[in-house]
Amino acid sequence: MIRKTILLLAIVICSISESRSQAFVRTIDLIRMNKPASTTGELNISQNQAIDTLISRYIISRGRIRTLEGTPGVEGFRIQIYSSSVRTAREESAKARAKFISIFGDIASYPQYQEPGYFMVRVGDYRTKTEAYKYLLMVRKEFPNAILVPTPINFPDLIKN
């Protein structure tokens, strides 16, 4: 009886100590920037370690998002102008993409293939649904079956012309 009590007590103490010990990851360790030759000052941020760990976990989880092309990306929207799995889907998707490029040359288009035989053409890289919807209305004039699809997108340009 005493052995069982001691064993149970040891298990409880070990589980409590394991649950309290979290690995704190500092955000600054995840974001390393090359300092320019002339630095004018330094910024020190004092915050709770738990907040720093949450920010770090968020950064790590978002770093794993990949587009269907395999490049790093962010969550966003694209407009799907073609999707089919018929025998001639490859040729039809190429024709739809060529038509789209001739009409909307400034919007990026992405031919895609998904198992078990779907060929798709998705266009644009939009961060918000509002931004995507504005372009969807323009695209639907030429492609009436176009729909808005949530998908990982390429990083948007920071400098807009």
Protein backbone atom coordinates (compact mmCIF):
# COMPACT_ATOMS: atom_id res chain seq x y z
CA MET A 1 0.00 0.00 0.00
CA ILE A 2 2.81 2.41 0.86
CA ARG A 3 4.63 1.55 -2.37
CA LYS A 4 1.54 2.36 -4.42
CA THR A 5 1.12 5.68 -2.62
CA ILE A 6 4.78 6.63 -3.15
CA LEU A 7 4.62 5.61 -6.81
CA LEU A 8 1.42 7.60 -7.35
CA LEU A 9 2.95 10.62 -5.60
CA ALA A 10 6.09 10.39 -7.77
CA ILE A 11 3.99 10.26 -10.96
CA VAL A 12 1.95 13.29 -9.90
CA ILE A 13 5.07 15.32 -9.05
CA CYS A 14 6.75 14.42 -12.36
CA SER A 15 3.65 15.32 -14.38
CA ILE A 16 3.30 18.67 -12.61
CA SER A 17 6.94 19.57 -13.20
CA GLU A 18 6.69 18.56 -16.89
CA SER A 19 3.56 20.61 -17.46
CA ARG A 20 5.14 23.72 -15.93
CA SER A 21 8.34 23.59 -17.99
CA GLN A 22 7.60 25.08 -21.40
CA ALA A 23 10.30 25.98 -23.83
CA PHE A 24 10.20 29.74 -24.24
CA VAL A 25 11.20 30.90 -27.68
CA ARG A 26 12.03 34.54 -28.08
CA THR A 27 10.63 36.31 -31.11
CA ILE A 28 13.92 38.06 -31.70
CA ASP A 29 15.56 34.66 -32.23
CA LEU A 30 13.15 33.93 -35.10
CA ILE A 31 13.55 37.25 -36.86
CA ARG A 32 17.20 37.97 -37.38
CA MET A 33 17.94 41.00 -39.49
CA ASN A 34 21.28 42.03 -40.87
CA LYS A 35 22.17 45.32 -39.25
CA PRO A 36 23.35 48.06 -41.58
CA ALA A 37 26.86 49.42 -41.11
CA SER A 38 25.64 52.54 -39.35
CA THR A 39 23.06 51.96 -36.66
CA THR A 40 21.66 54.96 -34.87
CA GLY A 41 20.05 53.32 -31.88
CA GLU A 42 18.66 50.24 -30.24
CA LEU A 43 15.13 49.24 -29.30
CA ASN A 44 14.52 47.07 -26.24
CA ILE A 45 11.09 45.56 -25.69
CA SER A 46 10.21 44.20 -22.27
CA GLN A 47 7.26 41.82 -22.28
CA ASN A 48 6.04 38.68 -20.60
CA GLN A 49 7.73 35.48 -21.80
CA ALA A 50 4.36 33.84 -22.45
CA ILE A 51 3.39 36.59 -24.91
CA ASP A 52 6.74 36.29 -26.63
CA THR A 53 6.26 32.52 -26.94
CA LEU A 54 2.77 32.94 -28.43
CA ILE A 55 4.07 35.40 -31.02
CA SER A 56 6.91 33.02 -31.87
CA ARG A 57 4.57 30.07 -32.29
CA TYR A 58 2.35 32.16 -34.56
CA ILE A 59 5.33 33.12 -36.72
CA ILE A 60 6.50 29.51 -36.95
CA SER A 61 3.04 28.20 -37.87
CA ARG A 62 2.56 30.85 -40.56
CA GLY A 63 5.98 30.10 -42.03
CA ARG A 64 4.79 26.63 -43.05
CA ILE A 65 2.06 27.85 -45.44
CA ARG A 66 2.87 26.87 -49.04
CA THR A 67 1.08 27.63 -52.28
CA LEU A 68 0.13 24.82 -54.64
CA GLU A 69 3.23 25.76 -56.65
CA GLY A 70 5.34 25.00 -53.56
CA THR A 71 6.50 28.53 -52.80
CA PRO A 72 6.06 30.15 -49.38
CA GLY A 73 2.79 32.02 -49.13
CA VAL A 74 0.03 33.50 -47.03
CA GLU A 75 -3.69 32.81 -46.74
CA GLY A 76 -5.73 34.62 -49.34
CA PHE A 77 -8.02 34.22 -52.34
CA ARG A 78 -7.78 33.40 -56.03
CA ILE A 79 -10.40 33.41 -58.77
CA GLN A 80 -10.96 30.02 -60.38
CA ILE A 81 -11.92 30.47 -64.04
CA TYR A 82 -11.73 26.84 -65.15
CA SER A 83 -12.00 23.42 -63.52
CA SER A 84 -12.70 20.11 -65.21
CA SER A 85 -11.70 16.46 -65.26
CA VAL A 86 -12.86 15.49 -68.73
CA ARG A 87 -10.52 13.81 -71.17
CA THR A 88 -9.67 17.07 -72.95
CA ALA A 89 -9.35 19.13 -69.75
CA ARG A 90 -5.64 19.82 -70.22
CA GLU A 91 -6.18 21.44 -73.63
CA GLU A 92 -9.29 23.31 -72.51
CA SER A 93 -7.51 24.68 -69.44
CA ALA A 94 -4.65 25.90 -71.64
CA LYS A 95 -7.16 27.63 -73.96
CA ALA A 96 -8.94 29.25 -71.00
CA ARG A 97 -5.63 30.49 -69.59
CA ALA A 98 -4.52 31.86 -72.99
CA LYS A 99 -7.85 33.69 -73.36
CA PHE A 100 -7.50 35.12 -69.84
CA ILE A 101 -3.93 36.32 -70.48
CA SER A 102 -4.99 38.01 -73.73
CA ILE A 103 -7.78 39.90 -71.95
CA PHE A 104 -6.27 40.50 -68.46
CA GLY A 105 -2.53 40.49 -69.09
CA ASP A 106 -1.64 42.26 -65.85
CA ILE A 107 -3.21 39.61 -63.54
CA ALA A 108 -1.13 36.51 -62.81
CA SER A 109 -2.61 33.14 -63.79
CA TYR A 110 -1.75 29.72 -62.40
CA PRO A 111 -2.51 26.43 -64.16
CA GLN A 112 -2.94 23.65 -61.59
CA TYR A 113 -3.47 19.92 -61.51
CA GLN A 114 -5.03 18.00 -58.63
CA GLU A 115 -5.59 14.31 -58.29
CA PRO A 116 -7.60 12.40 -59.52
CA GLY A 117 -7.41 14.34 -62.78
CA TYR A 118 -8.73 17.87 -62.25
CA PHE A 119 -7.18 20.62 -64.33
CA MET A 120 -7.80 24.13 -63.01
CA VAL A 121 -6.86 27.67 -63.86
CA ARG A 122 -6.78 30.10 -60.95
CA VAL A 123 -5.89 33.76 -61.27
CA GLY A 124 -4.76 36.59 -59.02
CA ASP A 125 -3.29 36.86 -55.54
CA TYR A 126 -5.74 38.66 -53.27
CA ARG A 127 -5.31 39.11 -49.51
CA THR A 128 -8.92 40.00 -48.75
CA LYS A 129 -12.27 38.82 -50.02
CA THR A 130 -13.26 42.41 -50.78
CA GLU A 131 -10.28 42.95 -53.06
CA ALA A 132 -10.87 39.63 -54.81
CA TYR A 133 -14.57 40.28 -55.29
CA LYS A 134 -13.87 43.52 -57.16
CA TYR A 135 -11.79 41.58 -59.71
CA LEU A 136 -14.26 38.67 -59.74
CA LEU A 137 -16.95 40.97 -61.11
CA MET A 138 -14.63 42.03 -63.97
CA VAL A 139 -13.57 38.45 -64.74
CA ARG A 140 -17.15 37.13 -64.73
CA LYS A 141 -17.94 39.29 -67.77
CA GLU A 142 -15.67 37.01 -69.83
CA PHE A 143 -15.80 33.83 -67.69
CA PRO A 144 -19.35 33.52 -66.28
CA ASN A 145 -18.54 30.40 -64.21
CA ALA A 146 -15.67 32.05 -62.32
CA ILE A 147 -15.74 31.56 -58.55
CA LEU A 148 -13.77 32.85 -55.57
CA VAL A 149 -11.56 30.22 -53.90
CA PRO A 150 -9.74 30.57 -50.55
CA THR A 151 -6.20 29.28 -51.04
CA PRO A 152 -2.60 30.06 -50.06
CA ILE A 153 -1.28 32.83 -52.30
CA ASN A 154 2.12 34.28 -53.12
CA PHE A 155 3.34 37.12 -50.97
CA PRO A 156 1.90 40.40 -52.24
CA ASP A 157 4.20 43.15 -53.49
CA LEU A 158 4.97 45.70 -50.81
CA ILE A 159 5.29 48.51 -53.32
CA LYS A 160 2.12 49.11 -55.35
CA ASN A 161 2.44 51.05 -58.58
